Amino acid sequence: MYVQKPKRKSMSEPSIPLLRVLDVSVYFGGIAALDHVSFDVSQGRIFGLIGPNGAGKTTLFNCLSRIYQVSSGAIFFDGESILKLADHQMCGIGIGRTFQNLALFDSMTVFENVLVGSHHRTRSDYLSNAMALPWARREERQLRKEVMELMDYLDLAD
């Protein structure tokens, strides 16, 4: 799971956890997948989640990415509740999810696969792109440049 650092409004703001999971429980029928889980992740820290199979790690990630609804408790990201957001809105606030089984497009290059995963950050829509509006083309050029820089950084360009 990727959590992007949000932009702070001012340096004088009180320090709040970047991610706060508070007393979260998830039940599937009568089975407790998560039972009153709580933790904070401070900005700039790396946080690991370990446990045996069946411990609820994936269930927790599915709650953080809004794939699952929590039965009780609260989850805050940068001080705001995420429980009111839909799963497709999570990327927009800086929370992304990857899965253990990759679903890449076989007929596309690595560059094209990364580019597809980056389009959530653009303002253009299908019609603007189809009409090749100048602002949409500029945005696409900028995105392609950023993807190439990322691939160079990760040594994936070749």
N, C-alpha and C. Protein backbone atom coordinates (compact mmCIF):
# COMPACT_ATOMS: atom_id res chain seq x y z
N MET A 1 0.85 -1.17 0.00
CA MET A 1 0.00 0.00 0.00
C MET A 1 0.89 1.22 0.00
N TYR A 2 0.53 2.19 -0.78
CA TYR A 2 1.29 3.42 -0.89
C TYR A 2 0.48 4.55 -0.29
N VAL A 3 1.08 5.30 0.61
CA VAL A 3 0.43 6.46 1.21
C VAL A 3 1.29 7.67 0.91
N GLN A 4 0.76 8.59 0.12
CA GLN A 4 1.50 9.78 -0.26
C GLN A 4 1.38 10.84 0.82
N LYS A 5 2.47 11.51 1.10
CA LYS A 5 2.48 12.57 2.10
C LYS A 5 1.59 13.72 1.63
N PRO A 6 0.59 14.11 2.43
CA PRO A 6 -0.25 15.24 2.03
C PRO A 6 0.49 16.56 2.24
N LYS A 7 0.02 17.58 1.58
CA LYS A 7 0.60 18.90 1.75
C LYS A 7 -0.02 19.56 2.98
N ARG A 8 0.83 19.98 3.89
CA ARG A 8 0.37 20.65 5.11
C ARG A 8 -0.02 22.09 4.81
N LYS A 9 -1.01 22.58 5.54
CA LYS A 9 -1.48 23.94 5.34
C LYS A 9 -0.51 24.97 5.89
N SER A 10 0.09 24.69 7.04
CA SER A 10 1.08 25.61 7.61
C SER A 10 1.94 24.85 8.59
N MET A 11 3.09 25.41 8.87
CA MET A 11 4.01 24.76 9.80
C MET A 11 3.53 24.85 11.23
N SER A 12 2.59 25.77 11.51
CA SER A 12 2.13 25.95 12.89
C SER A 12 1.01 24.99 13.27
N GLU A 13 0.56 24.15 12.32
CA GLU A 13 -0.48 23.19 12.64
C GLU A 13 0.01 22.19 13.66
N PRO A 14 -0.87 21.74 14.54
CA PRO A 14 -0.45 20.70 15.49
C PRO A 14 -0.13 19.41 14.74
N SER A 15 0.82 18.66 15.27
CA SER A 15 1.22 17.42 14.63
C SER A 15 0.16 16.36 14.88
N ILE A 16 -0.42 15.86 13.81
CA ILE A 16 -1.40 14.78 13.90
C ILE A 16 -0.84 13.59 13.13
N PRO A 17 -1.25 12.38 13.49
CA PRO A 17 -0.77 11.23 12.74
C PRO A 17 -1.21 11.33 11.28
N LEU A 18 -0.36 10.89 10.39
CA LEU A 18 -0.74 10.86 8.98
C LEU A 18 -1.88 9.86 8.78
N LEU A 19 -1.77 8.72 9.45
CA LEU A 19 -2.81 7.69 9.37
C LEU A 19 -3.17 7.28 10.78
N ARG A 20 -4.45 7.29 11.10
CA ARG A 20 -4.92 6.84 12.41
C ARG A 20 -6.03 5.80 12.19
N VAL A 21 -5.79 4.60 12.70
CA VAL A 21 -6.79 3.53 12.70
C VAL A 21 -7.24 3.40 14.14
N LEU A 22 -8.52 3.57 14.37
CA LEU A 22 -9.04 3.68 15.73
C LEU A 22 -10.15 2.66 15.98
N ASP A 23 -9.82 1.62 16.73
CA ASP A 23 -10.81 0.65 17.20
C ASP A 23 -11.60 0.02 16.05
N VAL A 24 -10.92 -0.34 14.96
CA VAL A 24 -11.59 -0.88 13.77
C VAL A 24 -11.88 -2.36 13.92
N SER A 25 -13.12 -2.70 13.64
CA SER A 25 -13.55 -4.10 13.62
C SER A 25 -14.24 -4.38 12.29
N VAL A 26 -14.05 -5.59 11.79
CA VAL A 26 -14.72 -6.05 10.58
C VAL A 26 -15.21 -7.46 10.86
N TYR A 27 -16.48 -7.67 10.59
CA TYR A 27 -17.09 -8.98 10.80
C TYR A 27 -17.66 -9.48 9.48
N PHE A 28 -17.43 -10.74 9.20
CA PHE A 28 -18.04 -11.42 8.07
C PHE A 28 -18.96 -12.47 8.65
N GLY A 29 -20.25 -12.17 8.67
CA GLY A 29 -21.19 -13.02 9.39
C GLY A 29 -20.85 -12.93 10.86
N GLY A 30 -20.62 -14.05 11.51
CA GLY A 30 -20.26 -14.04 12.93
C GLY A 30 -18.77 -14.11 13.17
N ILE A 31 -17.97 -14.07 12.10
CA ILE A 31 -16.52 -14.22 12.21
C ILE A 31 -15.87 -12.83 12.26
N ALA A 32 -15.02 -12.61 13.28
CA ALA A 32 -14.31 -11.34 13.40
C ALA A 32 -13.00 -11.42 12.61
N ALA A 33 -12.92 -10.68 11.51
CA ALA A 33 -11.69 -10.62 10.72
C ALA A 33 -10.73 -9.62 11.35
N LEU A 34 -11.26 -8.53 11.91
CA LEU A 34 -10.50 -7.55 12.67
C LEU A 34 -11.29 -7.25 13.92
N ASP A 35 -10.62 -7.19 15.05
CA ASP A 35 -11.31 -6.98 16.32
C ASP A 35 -10.65 -5.84 17.09
N HIS A 36 -11.20 -4.64 16.97
CA HIS A 36 -10.75 -3.45 17.70
C HIS A 36 -9.26 -3.13 17.45
N VAL A 37 -8.90 -3.02 16.19
CA VAL A 37 -7.52 -2.72 15.80
C VAL A 37 -7.30 -1.20 15.86
N SER A 38 -6.22 -0.79 16.51
CA SER A 38 -5.87 0.63 16.61
C SER A 38 -4.37 0.81 16.45
N PHE A 39 -3.98 1.84 15.71
CA PHE A 39 -2.58 2.26 15.60
C PHE A 39 -2.53 3.61 14.91
N ASP A 40 -1.40 4.29 15.08
CA ASP A 40 -1.12 5.55 14.40
C ASP A 40 0.15 5.39 13.59
N VAL A 41 0.20 6.06 12.45
CA VAL A 41 1.41 6.13 11.66
C VAL A 41 1.74 7.61 11.50
N SER A 42 2.88 8.02 12.04
CA SER A 42 3.29 9.42 11.97
C SER A 42 3.87 9.73 10.60
N GLN A 43 3.76 10.98 10.22
CA GLN A 43 4.32 11.44 8.96
C GLN A 43 5.82 11.18 8.93
N GLY A 44 6.31 10.68 7.80
CA GLY A 44 7.74 10.44 7.64
C GLY A 44 8.23 9.13 8.24
N ARG A 45 7.34 8.30 8.76
CA ARG A 45 7.73 7.03 9.38
C ARG A 45 7.36 5.88 8.46
N ILE A 46 8.10 4.78 8.59
CA ILE A 46 7.77 3.55 7.89
C ILE A 46 7.12 2.63 8.90
N PHE A 47 6.01 2.05 8.53
CA PHE A 47 5.23 1.23 9.44
C PHE A 47 5.05 -0.13 8.79
N GLY A 48 5.37 -1.19 9.49
CA GLY A 48 5.22 -2.55 8.98
C GLY A 48 4.04 -3.24 9.62
N LEU A 49 3.39 -4.07 8.86
CA LEU A 49 2.27 -4.86 9.36
C LEU A 49 2.59 -6.32 9.08
N ILE A 50 2.83 -7.07 10.15
CA ILE A 50 3.20 -8.47 9.99
C ILE A 50 2.24 -9.33 10.78
N GLY A 51 2.15 -10.58 10.39
CA GLY A 51 1.30 -11.53 11.09
C GLY A 51 1.12 -12.78 10.26
N PRO A 52 0.65 -13.84 10.88
CA PRO A 52 0.46 -15.10 10.16
C PRO A 52 -0.72 -15.02 9.19
N ASN A 53 -0.80 -16.01 8.32
CA ASN A 53 -1.95 -16.11 7.42
C ASN A 53 -3.23 -16.11 8.24
N GLY A 54 -4.21 -15.36 7.79
CA GLY A 54 -5.50 -15.31 8.48
C GLY A 54 -5.56 -14.31 9.61
N ALA A 55 -4.50 -13.52 9.80
CA ALA A 55 -4.47 -12.57 10.91
C ALA A 55 -5.28 -11.30 10.64
N GLY A 56 -5.61 -11.05 9.37
CA GLY A 56 -6.41 -9.87 9.03
C GLY A 56 -5.66 -8.77 8.33
N LYS A 57 -4.42 -9.03 7.90
CA LYS A 57 -3.62 -7.99 7.24
C LYS A 57 -4.30 -7.51 5.96
N THR A 58 -4.69 -8.42 5.10
CA THR A 58 -5.34 -8.05 3.85
C THR A 58 -6.68 -7.38 4.11
N THR A 59 -7.41 -7.85 5.10
CA THR A 59 -8.68 -7.21 5.45
C THR A 59 -8.45 -5.76 5.85
N LEU A 60 -7.40 -5.51 6.62
CA LEU A 60 -7.08 -4.13 7.02
C LEU A 60 -6.73 -3.28 5.81
N PHE A 61 -5.90 -3.81 4.91
CA PHE A 61 -5.56 -3.06 3.70
C PHE A 61 -6.82 -2.79 2.86
N ASN A 62 -7.72 -3.75 2.81
CA ASN A 62 -8.96 -3.55 2.07
C ASN A 62 -9.84 -2.48 2.72
N CYS A 63 -9.75 -2.32 4.02
CA CYS A 63 -10.47 -1.23 4.71
C CYS A 63 -9.82 0.11 4.40
N LEU A 64 -8.48 0.15 4.43
CA LEU A 64 -7.77 1.39 4.16
C LEU A 64 -7.99 1.86 2.73
N SER A 65 -8.15 0.94 1.81
CA SER A 65 -8.38 1.32 0.41
C SER A 65 -9.87 1.38 0.07
N ARG A 66 -10.72 1.17 1.07
CA ARG A 66 -12.18 1.31 0.97
C ARG A 66 -12.84 0.22 0.13
N ILE A 67 -12.15 -0.89 -0.05
CA ILE A 67 -12.76 -2.03 -0.72
C ILE A 67 -13.75 -2.68 0.23
N TYR A 68 -13.41 -2.74 1.53
CA TYR A 68 -14.31 -3.27 2.56
C TYR A 68 -14.83 -2.13 3.43
N GLN A 69 -16.03 -2.29 3.93
CA GLN A 69 -16.60 -1.38 4.91
C GLN A 69 -16.22 -1.89 6.30
N VAL A 70 -15.90 -0.97 7.21
CA VAL A 70 -15.63 -1.40 8.58
C VAL A 70 -16.97 -1.62 9.29
N SER A 71 -16.99 -2.56 10.19
CA SER A 71 -18.20 -2.80 10.99
C SER A 71 -18.32 -1.76 12.10
N SER A 72 -17.17 -1.38 12.66
CA SER A 72 -17.14 -0.32 13.68
C SER A 72 -15.74 0.25 13.72
N GLY A 73 -15.62 1.45 14.29
CA GLY A 73 -14.34 2.11 14.41
C GLY A 73 -14.21 3.25 13.42
N ALA A 74 -13.01 3.81 13.31
CA ALA A 74 -12.76 4.96 12.46
C ALA A 74 -11.37 4.88 11.86
N ILE A 75 -11.23 5.47 10.67
CA ILE A 75 -9.93 5.56 10.01
C ILE A 75 -9.79 7.01 9.53
N PHE A 76 -8.66 7.63 9.92
CA PHE A 76 -8.39 9.02 9.55
C PHE A 76 -7.09 9.09 8.76
N PHE A 77 -7.10 9.88 7.71
CA PHE A 77 -5.89 10.16 6.94
C PHE A 77 -5.71 11.67 6.93
N ASP A 78 -4.58 12.12 7.46
CA ASP A 78 -4.29 13.54 7.59
C ASP A 78 -5.40 14.28 8.33
N GLY A 79 -5.95 13.63 9.35
CA GLY A 79 -6.95 14.25 10.21
C GLY A 79 -8.38 14.17 9.71
N GLU A 80 -8.59 13.63 8.51
CA GLU A 80 -9.94 13.54 7.94
C GLU A 80 -10.36 12.08 7.85
N SER A 81 -11.63 11.83 8.16
CA SER A 81 -12.16 10.47 8.05
C SER A 81 -12.18 10.04 6.59
N ILE A 82 -11.74 8.81 6.34
CA ILE A 82 -11.82 8.28 4.98
C ILE A 82 -13.04 7.40 4.79
N LEU A 83 -13.78 7.14 5.86
CA LEU A 83 -14.89 6.19 5.77
C LEU A 83 -16.06 6.71 4.95
N LYS A 84 -16.09 8.01 4.70
CA LYS A 84 -17.16 8.56 3.87
C LYS A 84 -16.80 8.54 2.39
N LEU A 85 -15.55 8.18 2.07
CA LEU A 85 -15.09 8.19 0.69
C LEU A 85 -15.32 6.85 0.02
N ALA A 86 -15.51 6.90 -1.29
CA ALA A 86 -15.64 5.68 -2.09
C ALA A 86 -14.24 5.17 -2.44
N ASP A 87 -14.15 3.91 -2.82
CA ASP A 87 -12.85 3.33 -3.13
C ASP A 87 -12.13 4.08 -4.25
N HIS A 88 -12.86 4.56 -5.25
CA HIS A 88 -12.21 5.25 -6.36
C HIS A 88 -11.70 6.64 -5.98
N GLN A 89 -12.06 7.15 -4.82
CA GLN A 89 -11.59 8.46 -4.37
C GLN A 89 -10.29 8.37 -3.58
N MET A 90 -9.88 7.20 -3.17
CA MET A 90 -8.71 7.05 -2.31
C MET A 90 -7.42 7.51 -3.00
N CYS A 91 -7.28 7.19 -4.25
CA CYS A 91 -6.07 7.58 -4.97
C CYS A 91 -5.94 9.10 -5.00
N GLY A 92 -7.05 9.80 -5.11
CA GLY A 92 -7.03 11.25 -5.16
C GLY A 92 -6.54 11.90 -3.87
N ILE A 93 -6.65 11.22 -2.74
CA ILE A 93 -6.15 11.79 -1.48
C ILE A 93 -4.76 11.29 -1.14
N GLY A 94 -4.23 10.37 -1.96
CA GLY A 94 -2.86 9.91 -1.76
C GLY A 94 -2.71 8.51 -1.23
N ILE A 95 -3.78 7.72 -1.23
CA ILE A 95 -3.69 6.34 -0.78
C ILE A 95 -3.90 5.43 -1.98
N GLY A 96 -2.91 4.58 -2.26
CA GLY A 96 -2.99 3.65 -3.37
C GLY A 96 -2.74 2.24 -2.89
N ARG A 97 -3.17 1.29 -3.67
CA ARG A 97 -3.08 -0.11 -3.28
C ARG A 97 -2.53 -0.94 -4.42
N THR A 98 -1.61 -1.82 -4.11
CA THR A 98 -1.17 -2.82 -5.07
C THR A 98 -1.56 -4.18 -4.53
N PHE A 99 -1.54 -5.15 -5.38
CA PHE A 99 -1.94 -6.50 -4.99
C PHE A 99 -0.78 -7.45 -5.21
N GLN A 100 -0.83 -8.60 -4.54
CA GLN A 100 0.25 -9.57 -4.66
C GLN A 100 0.30 -10.18 -6.05
N ASN A 101 -0.85 -10.31 -6.68
CA ASN A 101 -0.88 -10.84 -8.04
C ASN A 101 -1.05 -9.65 -8.99
N LEU A 102 0.01 -9.34 -9.71
CA LEU A 102 0.00 -8.19 -10.59
C LEU A 102 -0.94 -8.42 -11.77
N ALA A 103 -1.66 -7.39 -12.15
CA ALA A 103 -2.54 -7.44 -13.30
C ALA A 103 -2.05 -6.41 -14.31
N LEU A 104 -1.03 -6.81 -15.07
CA LEU A 104 -0.47 -5.93 -16.08
C LEU A 104 -1.14 -6.21 -17.42
N PHE A 105 -1.07 -5.23 -18.31
CA PHE A 105 -1.56 -5.42 -19.66
C PHE A 105 -0.46 -6.09 -20.46
N ASP A 106 -0.68 -7.34 -20.87
CA ASP A 106 0.35 -8.13 -21.55
C ASP A 106 0.83 -7.50 -22.84
N SER A 107 -0.05 -6.84 -23.57
CA SER A 107 0.31 -6.30 -24.88
C SER A 107 0.95 -4.92 -24.80
N MET A 108 1.16 -4.42 -23.59
CA MET A 108 1.71 -3.08 -23.42
C MET A 108 3.12 -3.15 -22.82
N THR A 109 3.91 -2.12 -23.11
CA THR A 109 5.25 -2.03 -22.55
C THR A 109 5.17 -1.65 -21.07
N VAL A 110 6.32 -1.74 -20.39
CA VAL A 110 6.38 -1.31 -19.00
C VAL A 110 5.99 0.17 -18.91
N PHE A 111 6.53 0.98 -19.82
CA PHE A 111 6.21 2.41 -19.84
C PHE A 111 4.70 2.62 -19.96
N GLU A 112 4.05 1.92 -20.86
CA GLU A 112 2.60 2.08 -21.06
C GLU A 112 1.81 1.62 -19.84
N ASN A 113 2.25 0.55 -19.19
CA ASN A 113 1.58 0.09 -17.98
C ASN A 113 1.68 1.13 -16.86
N VAL A 114 2.87 1.72 -16.69
CA VAL A 114 3.04 2.75 -15.67
C VAL A 114 2.22 3.99 -16.03
N LEU A 115 2.19 4.32 -17.31
CA LEU A 115 1.42 5.48 -17.77
C LEU A 115 -0.06 5.31 -17.47
N VAL A 116 -0.61 4.13 -17.71
CA VAL A 116 -2.02 3.86 -17.40
C VAL A 116 -2.29 4.08 -15.92
N GLY A 117 -1.37 3.64 -15.07
CA GLY A 117 -1.55 3.81 -13.64
C GLY A 117 -1.39 5.25 -13.17
N SER A 118 -0.93 6.12 -14.04
CA SER A 118 -0.71 7.52 -13.67
C SER A 118 -1.83 8.45 -14.13
N HIS A 119 -2.71 7.98 -14.96
CA HIS A 119 -3.74 8.86 -15.53
C HIS A 119 -4.74 9.39 -14.50
N HIS A 120 -4.79 8.80 -13.34
CA HIS A 120 -5.69 9.32 -12.30
C HIS A 120 -5.29 10.73 -11.87
N ARG A 121 -4.06 11.11 -12.17
CA ARG A 121 -3.57 12.43 -11.77
C ARG A 121 -3.85 13.52 -12.80
N THR A 122 -4.48 13.17 -13.90
CA THR A 122 -4.74 14.16 -14.95
C THR A 122 -6.15 14.71 -14.84
N ARG A 123 -6.36 15.87 -15.46
CA ARG A 123 -7.69 16.49 -15.47
C ARG A 123 -8.48 16.12 -16.71
N SER A 124 -7.79 15.66 -17.75
CA SER A 124 -8.46 15.41 -19.03
C SER A 124 -9.42 14.23 -18.93
N ASP A 125 -10.39 14.26 -19.81
CA ASP A 125 -11.36 13.17 -19.88
C ASP A 125 -11.31 12.54 -21.27
N TYR A 126 -12.16 11.57 -21.50
CA TYR A 126 -12.15 10.83 -22.75
C TYR A 126 -12.35 11.76 -23.95
N LEU A 127 -13.33 12.65 -23.87
CA LEU A 127 -13.64 13.54 -24.97
C LEU A 127 -12.48 14.51 -25.26
N SER A 128 -11.89 15.08 -24.22
CA SER A 128 -10.76 16.01 -24.40
C SER A 128 -9.59 15.31 -25.07
N ASN A 129 -9.34 14.08 -24.68
CA ASN A 129 -8.26 13.31 -25.29
C ASN A 129 -8.59 12.93 -26.72
N ALA A 130 -9.82 12.50 -26.97
CA ALA A 130 -10.23 12.11 -28.32
C ALA A 130 -10.15 13.29 -29.29
N MET A 131 -10.46 14.48 -28.79
CA MET A 131 -10.40 15.67 -29.64
C MET A 131 -8.99 16.26 -29.70
N ALA A 132 -8.08 15.68 -28.94
CA ALA A 132 -6.69 16.13 -28.88
C ALA A 132 -6.61 17.63 -28.61
N LEU A 133 -7.36 18.05 -27.60
CA LEU A 133 -7.33 19.47 -27.23
C LEU A 133 -5.91 19.84 -26.79
N PRO A 134 -5.48 21.07 -27.11
CA PRO A 134 -4.09 21.46 -26.78
C PRO A 134 -3.74 21.26 -25.31
N TRP A 135 -4.61 21.64 -24.40
CA TRP A 135 -4.29 21.50 -22.97
C TRP A 135 -4.17 20.03 -22.58
N ALA A 136 -4.98 19.17 -23.19
CA ALA A 136 -4.92 17.74 -22.89
C ALA A 136 -3.62 17.13 -23.44
N ARG A 137 -3.20 17.58 -24.61
CA ARG A 137 -1.93 17.10 -25.17
C ARG A 137 -0.75 17.55 -24.32
N ARG A 138 -0.78 18.81 -23.83
CA ARG A 138 0.29 19.29 -22.94
C ARG A 138 0.34 18.46 -21.66
N GLU A 139 -0.83 18.20 -21.11
CA GLU A 139 -0.90 17.40 -19.88
C GLU A 139 -0.34 16.00 -20.11
N GLU A 140 -0.67 15.41 -21.24
CA GLU A 140 -0.17 14.07 -21.57
C GLU A 140 1.35 14.08 -21.75
N ARG A 141 1.89 15.10 -22.42
CA ARG A 141 3.35 15.21 -22.58
C ARG A 141 4.04 15.31 -21.21
N GLN A 142 3.47 16.12 -20.33
CA GLN A 142 4.04 16.28 -18.99
C GLN A 142 3.99 14.95 -18.22
N LEU A 143 2.88 14.25 -18.33
CA LEU A 143 2.74 12.97 -17.64
C LEU A 143 3.75 11.96 -18.17
N ARG A 144 3.92 11.92 -19.48
CA ARG A 144 4.89 11.00 -20.08
C ARG A 144 6.31 11.32 -19.59
N LYS A 145 6.62 12.60 -19.48
CA LYS A 145 7.93 13.01 -18.97
C LYS A 145 8.12 12.52 -17.53
N GLU A 146 7.11 12.71 -16.69
CA GLU A 146 7.20 12.29 -15.29
C GLU A 146 7.32 10.77 -15.17
N VAL A 147 6.59 10.04 -16.00
CA VAL A 147 6.67 8.57 -15.97
C VAL A 147 8.07 8.12 -16.37
N MET A 148 8.64 8.77 -17.39
CA MET A 148 9.99 8.40 -17.81
C MET A 148 11.01 8.70 -16.72
N GLU A 149 10.86 9.84 -16.03
CA GLU A 149 11.75 10.16 -14.91
C GLU A 149 11.63 9.11 -13.80
N LEU A 150 10.42 8.69 -13.51
CA LEU A 150 10.21 7.66 -12.50
C LEU A 150 10.85 6.35 -12.92
N MET A 151 10.67 5.98 -14.17
CA MET A 151 11.26 4.73 -14.65
C MET A 151 12.79 4.80 -14.64
N ASP A 152 13.35 5.96 -14.98
CA ASP A 152 14.81 6.13 -14.90
C ASP A 152 15.27 5.96 -13.46
N TYR A 153 14.55 6.58 -12.53
CA TYR A 153 14.90 6.50 -11.11
C TYR A 153 14.86 5.06 -10.60
N LEU A 154 13.88 4.30 -11.07
CA LEU A 154 13.72 2.91 -10.65
C LEU A 154 14.53 1.94 -11.50
N ASP A 155 15.32 2.48 -12.44
CA ASP A 155 16.15 1.68 -13.33
C ASP A 155 15.31 0.70 -14.15
N LEU A 156 14.18 1.19 -14.64
CA LEU A 156 13.28 0.38 -15.48
C LEU A 156 13.23 0.85 -16.92
N ALA A 157 13.95 1.90 -17.23
CA ALA A 157 13.85 2.52 -18.57
C ALA A 157 14.25 1.57 -19.69
N ASP A 158 15.23 0.71 -19.46
CA ASP A 158 15.66 -0.21 -20.51
C ASP A 158 14.62 -1.29 -20.75
